[in-house]
C-alpha atoms as a PDB file:
ATOM      1  CA  VAL A   1       2.942 -63.459 -12.380  1.00  0.00           C
ATOM      2  CA  SER A   2       3.981 -62.445  -8.901  1.00  0.00           C
ATOM      3  CA  THR A   3       6.783 -63.078  -6.475  1.00  0.00           C
ATOM      4  CA  GLN A   4       6.274 -62.792  -2.765  1.00  0.00           C
ATOM      5  CA  SER A   5       7.550 -59.702  -1.035  1.00  0.00           C
ATOM      6  CA  THR A   6       7.801 -59.188   2.699  1.00  0.00           C
ATOM      7  CA  GLY A   7       8.614 -56.188   4.821  1.00  0.00           C
ATOM      8  CA  SER A   8       7.183 -52.704   5.080  1.00  0.00           C
ATOM      9  CA  SER A   9       6.855 -52.172   1.323  1.00  0.00           C
ATOM     10  CA  GLY A  10       3.177 -53.143   1.269  1.00  0.00           C
ATOM     11  CA  ILE A  11       1.199 -55.480  -0.928  1.00  0.00           C
ATOM     12  CA  ASN A  12       0.559 -55.379  -4.657  1.00  0.00           C
ATOM     13  CA  ALA A  13      -2.612 -57.316  -5.451  1.00  0.00           C
ATOM     14  CA  GLU A  14      -3.222 -59.190  -8.697  1.00  0.00           C
ATOM     15  CA  TYR A  15      -6.664 -60.166  -9.972  1.00  0.00           C
ATOM     16  CA  GLY A  16      -7.679 -62.609 -12.657  1.00  0.00           C
ATOM     17  CA  GLY A  17     -10.745 -64.397 -13.873  1.00  0.00           C
ATOM     18  CA  LEU A  18     -13.160 -64.947 -16.736  1.00  0.00           C
ATOM     19  CA  ASP A  19     -16.105 -62.799 -17.750  1.00  0.00           C
ATOM     20  CA  PRO A  20     -19.183 -64.879 -16.818  1.00  0.00           C
ATOM     21  CA  LYS A  21     -20.988 -64.065 -20.082  1.00  0.00           C
ATOM     22  CA  THR A  22     -18.203 -64.206 -22.660  1.00  0.00           C
ATOM     23  CA  ASP A  23     -15.479 -66.317 -20.963  1.00  0.00           C
ATOM     24  CA  GLU A  24     -12.987 -63.599 -21.941  1.00  0.00           C
ATOM     25  CA  PRO A  25     -10.045 -63.341 -19.519  1.00  0.00           C
ATOM     26  CA  PHE A  26      -9.651 -60.347 -17.228  1.00  0.00           C
ATOM     27  CA  ILE A  27      -6.419 -59.470 -15.441  1.00  0.00           C
ATOM     28  CA  ALA A  28      -5.464 -56.465 -13.374  1.00  0.00           C
ATOM     29  CA  SER A  29      -3.260 -55.419 -10.509  1.00  0.00           C
ATOM     30  CA  THR A  30      -3.149 -52.651  -7.927  1.00  0.00           C
ATOM     31  CA  ASP A  31      -0.184 -51.042  -6.261  1.00  0.00           C
ATOM     32  CA  LEU A  32       0.111 -50.528  -2.524  1.00  0.00           C
ATOM     33  CA  ILE A  33      -2.087 -47.400  -2.580  1.00  0.00           C
ATOM     34  CA  GLY A  34      -4.764 -49.067  -4.722  1.00  0.00           C
ATOM     35  CA  CYS A  35      -4.007 -47.571  -8.147  1.00  0.00           C
ATOM     36  CA  PRO A  36      -5.329 -50.103 -10.702  1.00  0.00           C
ATOM     37  CA  MET A  37      -3.611 -51.362 -13.843  1.00  0.00           C
ATOM     38  CA  VAL A  38      -5.884 -53.247 -16.246  1.00  0.00           C
ATOM     39  CA  THR A  39      -4.230 -54.943 -19.222  1.00  0.00           C
ATOM     40  CA  ASP A  40      -4.875 -57.548 -21.916  1.00  0.00           C
ATOM     41  CA  ASP A  41      -1.615 -59.493 -21.706  1.00  0.00           C
ATOM     42  CA  PHE A  42       0.037 -59.876 -18.280  1.00  0.00           C
ATOM     43  CA  VAL A  43       0.658 -58.187 -14.941  1.00  0.00           C
ATOM     44  CA  VAL A  44       3.694 -58.645 -12.724  1.00  0.00           C
ATOM     45  CA  SER A  45       4.633 -57.666  -9.188  1.00  0.00           C
ATOM     46  CA  GLY A  46       7.103 -58.564  -6.491  1.00  0.00           C
ATOM     47  CA  THR A  47      10.768 -58.235  -5.681  1.00  0.00           C
ATOM     48  CA  CYS A  48      11.996 -59.380  -9.111  1.00  0.00           C
ATOM     49  CA  LEU A  49       9.642 -57.094 -11.051  1.00  0.00           C
ATOM     50  CA  GLU A  50      12.155 -56.123 -13.750  1.00  0.00           C
ATOM     51  CA  GLN A  51      13.146 -59.727 -14.396  1.00  0.00           C
ATOM     52  CA  LEU A  52       9.489 -60.783 -14.624  1.00  0.00           C
ATOM     53  CA  TYR A  53       8.727 -58.027 -17.151  1.00  0.00           C
ATOM     54  CA  GLY A  54      11.632 -59.137 -19.309  1.00  0.00           C
ATOM     55  CA  MET A  55      10.675 -62.808 -19.212  1.00  0.00           C
ATOM     56  CA  CYS A  56       6.963 -62.156 -19.825  1.00  0.00           C
ATOM     57  CA  GLU A  57       7.672 -59.782 -22.716  1.00  0.00           C
ATOM     58  CA  THR A  58       9.890 -62.459 -24.255  1.00  0.00           C
ATOM     59  CA  LEU A  59       7.697 -65.542 -23.734  1.00  0.00           C
ATOM     60  CA  TYR A  60       4.080 -64.321 -23.798  1.00  0.00           C
ATOM     61  CA  LYS A  61       2.006 -64.353 -26.976  1.00  0.00           C
ATOM     62  CA  PRO A  62      -1.782 -63.950 -27.329  1.00  0.00           C
ATOM     63  CA  ASN A  63      -4.208 -66.894 -27.516  1.00  0.00           C
ATOM     64  CA  MET A  64      -1.992 -69.565 -25.976  1.00  0.00           C
ATOM     65  CA  ALA A  65      -3.422 -72.987 -25.156  1.00  0.00           C
ATOM     66  CA  PRO A  66      -3.641 -73.813 -21.413  1.00  0.00           C
ATOM     67  CA  ASP A  67      -0.524 -76.042 -21.404  1.00  0.00           C
ATOM     68  CA  GLU A  68       1.429 -73.484 -23.407  1.00  0.00           C
ATOM     69  CA  LEU A  69       0.343 -70.710 -21.019  1.00  0.00           C
ATOM     70  CA  PHE A  70       1.396 -72.818 -18.011  1.00  0.00           C
ATOM     71  CA  GLU A  71       4.825 -73.349 -19.554  1.00  0.00           C
ATOM     72  CA  CYS A  72       5.165 -69.619 -20.272  1.00  0.00           C
ATOM     73  CA  ILE A  73       4.199 -68.635 -16.703  1.00  0.00           C
ATOM     74  CA  SER A  74       6.433 -71.306 -15.177  1.00  0.00           C
ATOM     75  CA  GLN A  75       9.493 -70.349 -17.207  1.00  0.00           C
ATOM     76  CA  ALA A  76       8.973 -66.635 -16.547  1.00  0.00           C
ATOM     77  CA  LEU A  77       8.544 -67.153 -12.808  1.00  0.00           C
ATOM     78  CA  LEU A  78      11.398 -69.603 -12.290  1.00  0.00           C
ATOM     79  CA  ASN A  79      13.892 -67.743 -14.491  1.00  0.00           C
ATOM     80  CA  ALA A  80      13.106 -64.409 -12.845  1.00  0.00           C
ATOM     81  CA  GLN A  81      13.436 -65.951  -9.373  1.00  0.00           C
ATOM     82  CA  ASP A  82      16.841 -67.394 -10.266  1.00  0.00           C
ATOM     83  CA  ARG A  83      18.085 -63.817 -10.644  1.00  0.00           C
ATOM     84  CA  ASP A  84      16.697 -62.569  -7.311  1.00  0.00           C
ATOM     85  CA  ALA A  85      17.426 -64.553  -4.139  1.00  0.00           C
ATOM     86  CA  TYR A  86      14.860 -62.574  -2.109  1.00  0.00           C
ATOM     87  CA  SER A  87      11.880 -63.532  -4.283  1.00  0.00           C
ATOM     88  CA  GLY A  88      11.276 -67.127  -3.246  1.00  0.00           C
ATOM     89  CA  TRP A  89      11.772 -70.779  -4.059  1.00  0.00           C
ATOM     90  CA  GLY A  90       9.041 -71.669  -6.509  1.00  0.00           C
ATOM     91  CA  GLY A  91       5.410 -70.779  -6.889  1.00  0.00           C
ATOM     92  CA  VAL A  92       1.853 -71.842  -7.506  1.00  0.00           C
ATOM     93  CA  VAL A  93       0.347 -71.456 -10.990  1.00  0.00           C
ATOM     94  CA  TYR A  94      -3.417 -71.383 -11.534  1.00  0.00           C
ATOM     95  CA  ILE A  95      -4.792 -71.807 -15.069  1.00  0.00           C
ATOM     96  CA  ILE A  96      -8.423 -70.674 -15.192  1.00  0.00           C
ATOM     97  CA  GLU A  97     -10.579 -72.091 -17.978  1.00  0.00           C
ATOM     98  CA  PRO A  98     -14.368 -71.867 -18.464  1.00  0.00           C
ATOM     99  CA  ASN A  99     -14.925 -75.388 -17.135  1.00  0.00           C
ATOM    100  CA  LYS A 100     -12.037 -75.902 -14.692  1.00  0.00           C
ATOM    101  CA  ILE A 101      -9.212 -74.411 -12.649  1.00  0.00           C
ATOM    102  CA  THR A 102      -5.865 -76.199 -12.721  1.00  0.00           C
ATOM    103  CA  LYS A 103      -3.413 -75.622  -9.867  1.00  0.00           C
ATOM    104  CA  ARG A 104       0.226 -76.683 -10.152  1.00  0.00           C
ATOM    105  CA  THR A 105       3.056 -76.139  -7.693  1.00  0.00           C
ATOM    106  CA  LEU A 106       6.541 -75.217  -8.923  1.00  0.00           C
ATOM    107  CA  LYS A 107       9.625 -76.037  -6.900  1.00  0.00           C
ATOM    108  CA  ALA A 108      12.862 -74.200  -7.555  1.00  0.00           C
ATOM    109  CA  ARG A 109      16.432 -74.181  -6.313  1.00  0.00           C
ATOM    110  CA  MET A 110      16.869 -73.816  -2.580  1.00  0.00           C
ATOM    111  CA  ASP A 111      20.568 -73.069  -2.357  1.00  0.00           C
END
């Protein structure tokens, strides 16, 4: 889960995909100097980092179905953004499965 950040602070990259042999998920992120963080549950970055951690720790559980995972990501992203005006007005969620990739756009408050 990531929120967009602009300015001179740099870029934190997030990576995700499936192992081509086992279909096991892989997620990782790097900070602005390239230090990797590989994990089994979730990675977060952006201007509302603390809010995202709190929401993901609350909502995430292992082995979620694709629709359940989408709901978890959407709620975490939108609720964290509501607490940080600099982080954006919505997002794009990609759910990667062995046989398809689903892309959904989230729209949030713009006030």
